[in-house]
PDB file of N, CA and C in Angstrom:
ATOM      1  N   MET A   1       0.821  -1.196   0.000  1.00  0.00           N
ATOM      2  CA  MET A   1       0.000   0.000   0.000  1.00  0.00           C
ATOM      3  C   MET A   1       0.867   1.262   0.000  1.00  0.00           C
ATOM      4  N   LEU A   2       1.866   1.309   0.857  1.00  0.00           N
ATOM      5  CA  LEU A   2       2.690   2.516   0.931  1.00  0.00           C
ATOM      6  C   LEU A   2       3.487   2.741  -0.342  1.00  0.00           C
ATOM      7  N   ASN A   3       3.910   1.658  -0.997  1.00  0.00           N
ATOM      8  CA  ASN A   3       4.618   1.810  -2.272  1.00  0.00           C
ATOM      9  C   ASN A   3       3.708   2.435  -3.322  1.00  0.00           C
ATOM     10  N   GLU A   4       2.450   2.022  -3.346  1.00  0.00           N
ATOM     11  CA  GLU A   4       1.505   2.585  -4.304  1.00  0.00           C
ATOM     12  C   GLU A   4       1.267   4.069  -4.024  1.00  0.00           C
ATOM     13  N   VAL A   5       1.179   4.417  -2.753  1.00  0.00           N
ATOM     14  CA  VAL A   5       0.997   5.828  -2.386  1.00  0.00           C
ATOM     15  C   VAL A   5       2.212   6.634  -2.837  1.00  0.00           C
ATOM     16  N   ALA A   6       3.398   6.125  -2.580  1.00  0.00           N
ATOM     17  CA  ALA A   6       4.625   6.827  -2.976  1.00  0.00           C
ATOM     18  C   ALA A   6       4.702   6.976  -4.491  1.00  0.00           C
ATOM     19  N   ASP A   7       4.345   5.925  -5.217  1.00  0.00           N
ATOM     20  CA  ASP A   7       4.355   5.999  -6.685  1.00  0.00           C
ATOM     21  C   ASP A   7       3.368   7.056  -7.180  1.00  0.00           C
ATOM     22  N   THR A   8       2.189   7.081  -6.600  1.00  0.00           N
ATOM     23  CA  THR A   8       1.171   8.048  -7.003  1.00  0.00           C
ATOM     24  C   THR A   8       1.617   9.466  -6.682  1.00  0.00           C
ATOM     25  N   VAL A   9       2.224   9.661  -5.528  1.00  0.00           N
ATOM     26  CA  VAL A   9       2.729  10.991  -5.163  1.00  0.00           C
ATOM     27  C   VAL A   9       3.785  11.447  -6.173  1.00  0.00           C
ATOM     28  N   ALA A  10       4.657  10.540  -6.582  1.00  0.00           N
ATOM     29  CA  ALA A  10       5.685  10.899  -7.565  1.00  0.00           C
ATOM     30  C   ALA A  10       5.056  11.311  -8.895  1.00  0.00           C
ATOM     31  N   VAL A  11       4.075  10.544  -9.351  1.00  0.00           N
ATOM     32  CA  VAL A  11       3.405  10.862 -10.616  1.00  0.00           C
ATOM     33  C   VAL A  11       2.666  12.192 -10.511  1.00  0.00           C
ATOM     34  N   LEU A  12       1.925  12.371  -9.431  1.00  0.00           N
ATOM     35  CA  LEU A  12       1.185  13.622  -9.255  1.00  0.00           C
ATOM     36  C   LEU A  12       2.123  14.816  -9.136  1.00  0.00           C
ATOM     37  N   SER A  13       3.251  14.642  -8.477  1.00  0.00           N
ATOM     38  CA  SER A  13       4.230  15.725  -8.343  1.00  0.00           C
ATOM     39  C   SER A  13       4.740  16.154  -9.712  1.00  0.00           C
ATOM     40  N   ARG A  14       5.059  15.166 -10.527  1.00  0.00           N
ATOM     41  CA  ARG A  14       5.547  15.462 -11.887  1.00  0.00           C
ATOM     42  C   ARG A  14       4.468  16.178 -12.692  1.00  0.00           C
ATOM     43  N   ARG A  15       3.234  15.698 -12.613  1.00  0.00           N
ATOM     44  CA  ARG A  15       2.136  16.322 -13.358  1.00  0.00           C
ATOM     45  C   ARG A  15       1.902  17.754 -12.889  1.00  0.00           C
ATOM     46  N   HIS A  16       1.944  17.968 -11.587  1.00  0.00           N
ATOM     47  CA  HIS A  16       1.758  19.317 -11.046  1.00  0.00           C
ATOM     48  C   HIS A  16       2.852  20.246 -11.555  1.00  0.00           C
ATOM     49  N   MET A  17       4.101  19.759 -11.556  1.00  0.00           N
ATOM     50  CA  MET A  17       5.220  20.574 -12.021  1.00  0.00           C
ATOM     51  C   MET A  17       5.037  20.916 -13.504  1.00  0.00           C
ATOM     52  N   GLN A  18       4.672  19.923 -14.298  1.00  0.00           N
ATOM     53  CA  GLN A  18       4.485  20.144 -15.736  1.00  0.00           C
ATOM     54  C   GLN A  18       3.324  21.095 -16.006  1.00  0.00           C
ATOM     55  N   ALA A  19       2.312  21.075 -15.149  1.00  0.00           N
ATOM     56  CA  ALA A  19       1.146  21.942 -15.319  1.00  0.00           C
ATOM     57  C   ALA A  19       1.397  23.352 -14.778  1.00  0.00           C
ATOM     58  N   GLY A  20       2.525  23.542 -14.126  1.00  0.00           N
ATOM     59  CA  GLY A  20       2.853  24.859 -13.589  1.00  0.00           C
ATOM     60  C   GLY A  20       2.117  25.205 -12.307  1.00  0.00           C
ATOM     61  N   ILE A  21       1.656  24.198 -11.594  1.00  0.00           N
ATOM     62  CA  ILE A  21       0.979  24.438 -10.322  1.00  0.00           C
ATOM     63  C   ILE A  21       2.035  24.880  -9.305  1.00  0.00           C
ATOM     64  N   PRO A  22       1.779  25.969  -8.600  1.00  0.00           N
ATOM     65  CA  PRO A  22       2.752  26.453  -7.613  1.00  0.00           C
ATOM     66  C   PRO A  22       3.076  25.368  -6.573  1.00  0.00           C
ATOM     67  N   LEU A  23       4.306  25.364  -6.127  1.00  0.00           N
ATOM     68  CA  LEU A  23       4.777  24.351  -5.191  1.00  0.00           C
ATOM     69  C   LEU A  23       3.911  24.281  -3.935  1.00  0.00           C
ATOM     70  N   SER A  24       3.518  25.436  -3.394  1.00  0.00           N
ATOM     71  CA  SER A  24       2.713  25.433  -2.167  1.00  0.00           C
ATOM     72  C   SER A  24       1.357  24.770  -2.393  1.00  0.00           C
ATOM     73  N   GLU A  25       0.733  25.023  -3.530  1.00  0.00           N
ATOM     74  CA  GLU A  25      -0.562  24.405  -3.830  1.00  0.00           C
ATOM     75  C   GLU A  25      -0.394  22.910  -4.088  1.00  0.00           C
ATOM     76  N   SER A  26       0.652  22.554  -4.817  1.00  0.00           N
ATOM     77  CA  SER A  26       0.924  21.148  -5.093  1.00  0.00           C
ATOM     78  C   SER A  26       1.154  20.386  -3.799  1.00  0.00           C
ATOM     79  N   ARG A  27       1.922  20.962  -2.917  1.00  0.00           N
ATOM     80  CA  ARG A  27       2.202  20.313  -1.638  1.00  0.00           C
ATOM     81  C   ARG A  27       0.909  20.102  -0.834  1.00  0.00           C
ATOM     82  N   SER A  28       0.061  21.116  -0.817  1.00  0.00           N
ATOM     83  CA  SER A  28      -1.206  20.995  -0.090  1.00  0.00           C
ATOM     84  C   SER A  28      -2.061  19.873  -0.658  1.00  0.00           C
ATOM     85  N   ARG A  29      -2.160  19.799  -1.969  1.00  0.00           N
ATOM     86  CA  ARG A  29      -2.956  18.752  -2.607  1.00  0.00           C
ATOM     87  C   ARG A  29      -2.390  17.365  -2.306  1.00  0.00           C
ATOM     88  N   LEU A  30      -1.065  17.253  -2.374  1.00  0.00           N
ATOM     89  CA  LEU A  30      -0.433  15.958  -2.122  1.00  0.00           C
ATOM     90  C   LEU A  30      -0.575  15.546  -0.664  1.00  0.00           C
ATOM     91  N   GLU A  31      -0.509  16.494   0.247  1.00  0.00           N
ATOM     92  CA  GLU A  31      -0.712  16.171   1.667  1.00  0.00           C
ATOM     93  C   GLU A  31      -2.106  15.612   1.897  1.00  0.00           C
ATOM     94  N   VAL A  32      -3.112  16.210   1.265  1.00  0.00           N
ATOM     95  CA  VAL A  32      -4.485  15.718   1.391  1.00  0.00           C
ATOM     96  C   VAL A  32      -4.573  14.293   0.853  1.00  0.00           C
ATOM     97  N   PHE A  33      -3.987  14.060  -0.314  1.00  0.00           N
ATOM     98  CA  PHE A  33      -4.011  12.721  -0.903  1.00  0.00           C
ATOM     99  C   PHE A  33      -3.370  11.697   0.035  1.00  0.00           C
ATOM    100  N   VAL A  34      -2.196  12.013   0.564  1.00  0.00           N
ATOM    101  CA  VAL A  34      -1.485  11.073   1.436  1.00  0.00           C
ATOM    102  C   VAL A  34      -2.291  10.816   2.707  1.00  0.00           C
ATOM    103  N   ARG A  35      -2.847  11.856   3.302  1.00  0.00           N
ATOM    104  CA  ARG A  35      -3.663  11.670   4.518  1.00  0.00           C
ATOM    105  C   ARG A  35      -4.856  10.763   4.250  1.00  0.00           C
ATOM    106  N   GLN A  36      -5.533  10.979   3.121  1.00  0.00           N
ATOM    107  CA  GLN A  36      -6.687  10.155   2.777  1.00  0.00           C
ATOM    108  C   GLN A  36      -6.267   8.709   2.507  1.00  0.00           C
ATOM    109  N   ALA A  37      -5.160   8.532   1.823  1.00  0.00           N
ATOM    110  CA  ALA A  37      -4.684   7.185   1.519  1.00  0.00           C
ATOM    111  C   ALA A  37      -4.304   6.446   2.798  1.00  0.00           C
ATOM    112  N   LEU A  38      -3.632   7.127   3.715  1.00  0.00           N
ATOM    113  CA  LEU A  38      -3.251   6.495   4.975  1.00  0.00           C
ATOM    114  C   LEU A  38      -4.474   6.200   5.838  1.00  0.00           C
ATOM    115  N   ALA A  39      -5.452   7.081   5.819  1.00  0.00           N
ATOM    116  CA  ALA A  39      -6.687   6.838   6.568  1.00  0.00           C
ATOM    117  C   ALA A  39      -7.414   5.628   5.996  1.00  0.00           C
ATOM    118  N   ALA A  40      -7.443   5.510   4.680  1.00  0.00           N
ATOM    119  CA  ALA A  40      -8.087   4.362   4.043  1.00  0.00           C
ATOM    120  C   ALA A  40      -7.363   3.077   4.418  1.00  0.00           C
ATOM    121  N   GLN A  41      -6.041   3.126   4.461  1.00  0.00           N
ATOM    122  CA  GLN A  41      -5.259   1.955   4.848  1.00  0.00           C
ATOM    123  C   GLN A  41      -5.557   1.588   6.296  1.00  0.00           C
ATOM    124  N   SER A  42      -5.704   2.583   7.146  1.00  0.00           N
ATOM    125  CA  SER A  42      -5.986   2.354   8.561  1.00  0.00           C
ATOM    126  C   SER A  42      -7.346   1.679   8.737  1.00  0.00           C
ATOM    127  N   VAL A  43      -8.330   2.121   7.976  1.00  0.00           N
ATOM    128  CA  VAL A  43      -9.665   1.527   8.039  1.00  0.00           C
ATOM    129  C   VAL A  43      -9.595   0.066   7.602  1.00  0.00           C
ATOM    130  N   GLU A  44      -8.879  -0.175   6.529  1.00  0.00           N
ATOM    131  CA  GLU A  44      -8.751  -1.542   6.019  1.00  0.00           C
ATOM    132  C   GLU A  44      -8.078  -2.449   7.040  1.00  0.00           C
ATOM    133  N   ALA A  45      -7.036  -1.959   7.677  1.00  0.00           N
ATOM    134  CA  ALA A  45      -6.322  -2.763   8.674  1.00  0.00           C
ATOM    135  C   ALA A  45      -7.195  -3.027   9.899  1.00  0.00           C
ATOM    136  N   ALA A  46      -7.937  -2.025  10.326  1.00  0.00           N
ATOM    137  CA  ALA A  46      -8.751  -2.160  11.523  1.00  0.00           C
ATOM    138  C   ALA A  46      -9.964  -3.066  11.312  1.00  0.00           C
ATOM    139  N   TRP A  47     -10.590  -2.967  10.159  1.00  0.00           N
ATOM    140  CA  TRP A  47     -11.838  -3.677   9.921  1.00  0.00           C
ATOM    141  C   TRP A  47     -11.697  -4.843   8.946  1.00  0.00           C
ATOM    142  N   GLY A  48     -10.554  -4.932   8.291  1.00  0.00           N
ATOM    143  CA  GLY A  48     -10.370  -5.993   7.314  1.00  0.00           C
ATOM    144  C   GLY A  48     -11.231  -5.810   6.082  1.00  0.00           C
ATOM    145  N   VAL A  49     -11.622  -4.578   5.851  1.00  0.00           N
ATOM    146  CA  VAL A  49     -12.475  -4.264   4.704  1.00  0.00           C
ATOM    147  C   VAL A  49     -11.845  -3.115   3.940  1.00  0.00           C
ATOM    148  N   ALA A  50     -11.735  -3.276   2.644  1.00  0.00           N
ATOM    149  CA  ALA A  50     -11.206  -2.195   1.816  1.00  0.00           C
ATOM    150  C   ALA A  50     -12.270  -1.113   1.663  1.00  0.00           C
ATOM    151  N   PRO A  51     -11.888   0.157   1.842  1.00  0.00           N
ATOM    152  CA  PRO A  51     -12.849   1.236   1.649  1.00  0.00           C
ATOM    153  C   PRO A  51     -13.203   1.368   0.176  1.00  0.00           C
ATOM    154  N   LYS A  52     -14.292   2.059  -0.124  1.00  0.00           N
ATOM    155  CA  LYS A  52     -14.675   2.300  -1.506  1.00  0.00           C
ATOM    156  C   LYS A  52     -13.587   3.101  -2.196  1.00  0.00           C
ATOM    157  N   ALA A  53     -13.371   2.836  -3.464  1.00  0.00           N
ATOM    158  CA  ALA A  53     -12.322   3.528  -4.223  1.00  0.00           C
ATOM    159  C   ALA A  53     -12.526   5.036  -4.207  1.00  0.00           C
ATOM    160  N   SER A  54     -13.764   5.493  -4.151  1.00  0.00           N
ATOM    161  CA  SER A  54     -14.032   6.922  -4.179  1.00  0.00           C
ATOM    162  C   SER A  54     -13.635   7.632  -2.887  1.00  0.00           C
ATOM    163  N   SER A  55     -13.313   6.886  -1.831  1.00  0.00           N
ATOM    164  CA  SER A  55     -12.959   7.525  -0.572  1.00  0.00           C
ATOM    165  C   SER A  55     -11.549   8.090  -0.585  1.00  0.00           C
ATOM    166  N   VAL A  56     -10.746   7.719  -1.573  1.00  0.00           N
ATOM    167  CA  VAL A  56      -9.403   8.271  -1.712  1.00  0.00           C
ATOM    168  C   VAL A  56      -9.392   9.071  -3.011  1.00  0.00           C
ATOM    169  N   ALA A  57      -9.471  10.376  -2.888  1.00  0.00           N
ATOM    170  CA  ALA A  57      -9.543  11.243  -4.061  1.00  0.00           C
ATOM    171  C   ALA A  57      -8.141  11.613  -4.529  1.00  0.00           C
ATOM    172  N   LEU A  58      -7.906  11.527  -5.812  1.00  0.00           N
ATOM    173  CA  LEU A  58      -6.633  11.961  -6.373  1.00  0.00           C
ATOM    174  C   LEU A  58      -6.627  13.469  -6.445  1.00  0.00           C
ATOM    175  N   ALA A  59      -5.500  14.039  -6.169  1.00  0.00           N
ATOM    176  CA  ALA A  59      -5.373  15.486  -6.145  1.00  0.00           C
ATOM    177  C   ALA A  59      -4.767  16.007  -7.432  1.00  0.00           C
ATOM    178  N   ALA A  60      -5.191  15.497  -8.545  1.00  0.00           N
ATOM    179  CA  ALA A  60      -4.596  15.921  -9.817  1.00  0.00           C
ATOM    180  C   ALA A  60      -5.425  16.957 -10.478  1.00  0.00           C
TER     181      ALA A  60
END
């Protein structure tokens, strides 16, 4: 799970840079994505149930 989050953050970072999104805005969006992804992982670990895919929003 963490590898997938790291890969997604790398891809989103590159896309944000290419799109000219300011670093501060990009960082904020990526922080939200990582927090949501980690929360989803926590729910899955606690309940043994994967959350709905829509509960982790991509910040692209």
